[in-house]
Every structure is written in structure tokens, then in C-alpha cells.
Amino acid sequence: MAAYSNDLRRKILNYSFSHSIAKTATTFAVSPNTVFLLKKLYEETGDVIPRKSNRVYDRLISREGEIFLEALILTEPDLSILDLRNAYEEEFSIWVSHGTMVNTLQRLNLTYKKKLF
């Protein structure tokens, strides 16, 4: 869902100065937490413009790990995701989830055989 427009944010904030959080939330069909957070944001920054997100997450599987996985799949294409995860953990001492391994393989355009138990 997209963020609320700055115009709507200002209207909610202005209305909340003369009404309760619950009444404001009902009037604008937003959650009470939204009203509370807008008031808090205004108190901290003096405006209701959303803060920029500076989050940058490092990938759990490093470039060396990607090279390792590429080589492993080329030599043993029948390995399952579980086998790849276990091999990666043995080599780099880092446990990765099923989703992380699948996302990495997709990003690298590597295919793998899906074994059924």
C-alpha cells in the first residue's frame, strides 16, 4: 500500500489538534496508530513528510558464496535446496534459510533440481 499523501497527512494532523485520536482515525478512516505516529512525527521533525529510509541490508550470501554455489551446481546439478544450504553452511559456517537460498539462485539465474522426499 502506498504512503498517505502529504496533503492528507496535514489534514489528519490539523484535525487531531482539536479532536481525539479515536475520532480523528474514524473520520479519516485510518488506524489510531497512524494518527498517533503522525503527531509524534510532527513533534519530532516539525512536519509530516515521511522520513527517508536509509536501510541497506547486506546479503547473507557473499560473492564468494555465490561463486561456490555456482561451482557446486555445475558439478552436482541434482542437489536439492536443503543440500545446497547444508553445503553452504559447512563451507562458510553461516546458516541461511530456504528462501535466502532460493532468492540467491534466482538472482544468479541458476536452476536446480527439486527433489521430493
Protein backbone atom coordinates (compact mmCIF):
# COMPACT_ATOMS: atom_id res chain seq x y z
CA MET A 1 0.00 0.00 0.00
CA ALA A 2 1.28 3.46 -0.88
CA ALA A 3 2.01 6.05 1.76
CA TYR A 4 -0.63 8.65 2.51
CA SER A 5 -0.26 11.90 0.59
CA ASN A 6 1.30 14.84 2.37
CA ASP A 7 -1.96 16.76 1.94
CA LEU A 8 -3.94 14.05 3.74
CA ARG A 9 -1.27 13.80 6.43
CA ARG A 10 -1.61 17.54 7.13
CA LYS A 11 -5.41 17.32 7.24
CA ILE A 12 -5.24 14.44 9.70
CA LEU A 13 -2.74 16.31 11.85
CA ASN A 14 -4.75 19.55 11.88
CA TYR A 15 -7.95 17.71 12.72
CA SER A 16 -6.22 15.80 15.52
CA PHE A 17 -5.30 19.05 17.29
CA SER A 18 -8.96 19.70 18.11
CA HIS A 19 -10.27 16.12 18.31
CA SER A 20 -9.30 12.86 19.96
CA ILE A 21 -7.10 10.32 18.23
CA ALA A 22 -10.02 7.87 18.00
CA LYS A 23 -12.36 10.49 16.48
CA THR A 24 -9.67 11.57 14.00
CA ALA A 25 -8.97 7.98 13.00
CA THR A 26 -12.66 7.29 12.43
CA THR A 27 -13.18 10.49 10.44
CA PHE A 28 -10.29 9.81 8.05
CA ALA A 29 -10.67 6.00 8.01
CA VAL A 30 -7.14 5.37 9.23
CA SER A 31 -5.92 3.46 12.24
CA PRO A 32 -5.48 5.27 15.57
CA ASN A 33 -1.81 4.29 15.41
CA THR A 34 -1.46 6.27 12.17
CA VAL A 35 -2.78 9.39 13.86
CA PHE A 36 -0.53 8.83 16.87
CA LEU A 37 2.54 8.34 14.68
CA LEU A 38 1.76 11.45 12.59
CA LYS A 39 1.51 13.55 15.75
CA LYS A 40 4.75 12.04 17.02
CA LEU A 41 6.48 12.70 13.68
CA TYR A 42 5.28 16.31 13.77
CA GLU A 43 6.57 16.78 17.32
CA GLU A 44 9.98 15.37 16.39
CA THR A 45 10.54 16.98 12.98
CA GLY A 46 8.05 19.82 12.71
CA ASP A 47 6.49 18.35 9.57
CA VAL A 48 4.51 15.30 8.48
CA ILE A 49 6.63 14.42 5.44
CA PRO A 50 7.77 10.79 5.76
CA ARG A 51 11.36 10.17 6.71
CA LYS A 52 13.69 8.71 4.15
CA SER A 53 14.61 5.10 4.72
CA ASN A 54 18.35 4.61 4.95
CA ARG A 55 18.22 0.87 5.46
CA VAL A 56 20.72 -1.09 3.49
CA TYR A 57 20.92 -4.79 4.14
CA ASP A 58 23.98 -6.80 3.29
CA ARG A 59 23.32 -10.05 1.53
CA LEU A 60 23.82 -13.07 3.72
CA ILE A 61 25.40 -15.00 0.86
CA SER A 62 28.59 -13.20 -0.15
CA ARG A 63 30.03 -13.01 -3.66
CA GLU A 64 32.42 -15.81 -2.73
CA GLY A 65 29.43 -17.84 -1.60
CA GLU A 66 27.68 -17.21 -4.90
CA ILE A 67 30.75 -18.45 -6.78
CA PHE A 68 30.82 -21.51 -4.52
CA LEU A 69 27.16 -22.24 -5.24
CA GLU A 70 27.63 -21.81 -8.99
CA ALA A 71 30.51 -24.27 -8.98
CA LEU A 72 28.61 -26.70 -6.77
CA ILE A 73 25.54 -26.69 -9.01
CA LEU A 74 27.67 -27.12 -12.12
CA THR A 75 29.39 -30.17 -10.65
CA GLU A 76 26.31 -31.63 -8.91
CA PRO A 77 23.10 -30.39 -10.57
CA ASP A 78 20.92 -32.89 -8.66
CA LEU A 79 21.42 -31.20 -5.27
CA SER A 80 18.28 -30.04 -3.52
CA ILE A 81 17.92 -26.70 -1.77
CA LEU A 82 18.47 -28.46 1.55
CA ASP A 83 21.69 -29.99 0.25
CA LEU A 84 22.87 -26.62 -1.05
CA ARG A 85 22.08 -24.97 2.28
CA ASN A 86 23.98 -27.65 4.18
CA ALA A 87 26.99 -27.41 1.84
CA TYR A 88 27.00 -23.62 2.18
CA GLU A 89 26.83 -23.88 5.97
CA GLU A 90 29.70 -26.37 6.06
CA GLU A 91 31.86 -24.19 3.81
CA PHE A 92 31.15 -20.74 5.29
CA SER A 93 29.74 -21.53 8.77
CA ILE A 94 26.67 -19.42 8.01
CA TRP A 95 23.15 -20.84 8.18
CA VAL A 96 20.80 -19.50 5.52
CA SER A 97 17.08 -20.00 5.18
CA HIS A 98 15.35 -21.82 2.36
CA GLY A 99 14.08 -18.50 0.97
CA THR A 100 17.52 -16.91 1.01
CA MET A 101 18.96 -19.80 -0.96
CA VAL A 102 16.10 -19.78 -3.49
CA ASN A 103 16.36 -15.99 -3.95
CA THR A 104 20.12 -16.22 -4.45
CA LEU A 105 19.79 -18.95 -7.05
CA GLN A 106 17.09 -17.00 -8.88
CA ARG A 107 19.20 -13.83 -8.83
CA LEU A 108 22.11 -15.79 -10.32
CA ASN A 109 19.80 -17.45 -12.90
CA LEU A 110 20.82 -20.88 -11.64
CA THR A 111 18.42 -23.78 -11.90
CA TYR A 112 18.31 -26.67 -9.51
CA LYS A 113 16.59 -30.00 -9.39
CA LYS A 114 13.72 -30.18 -6.94
CA LYS A 115 13.90 -33.48 -5.12
CA LEU A 116 10.88 -34.86 -3.38
CA PHE A 117 11.49 -36.63 -0.09
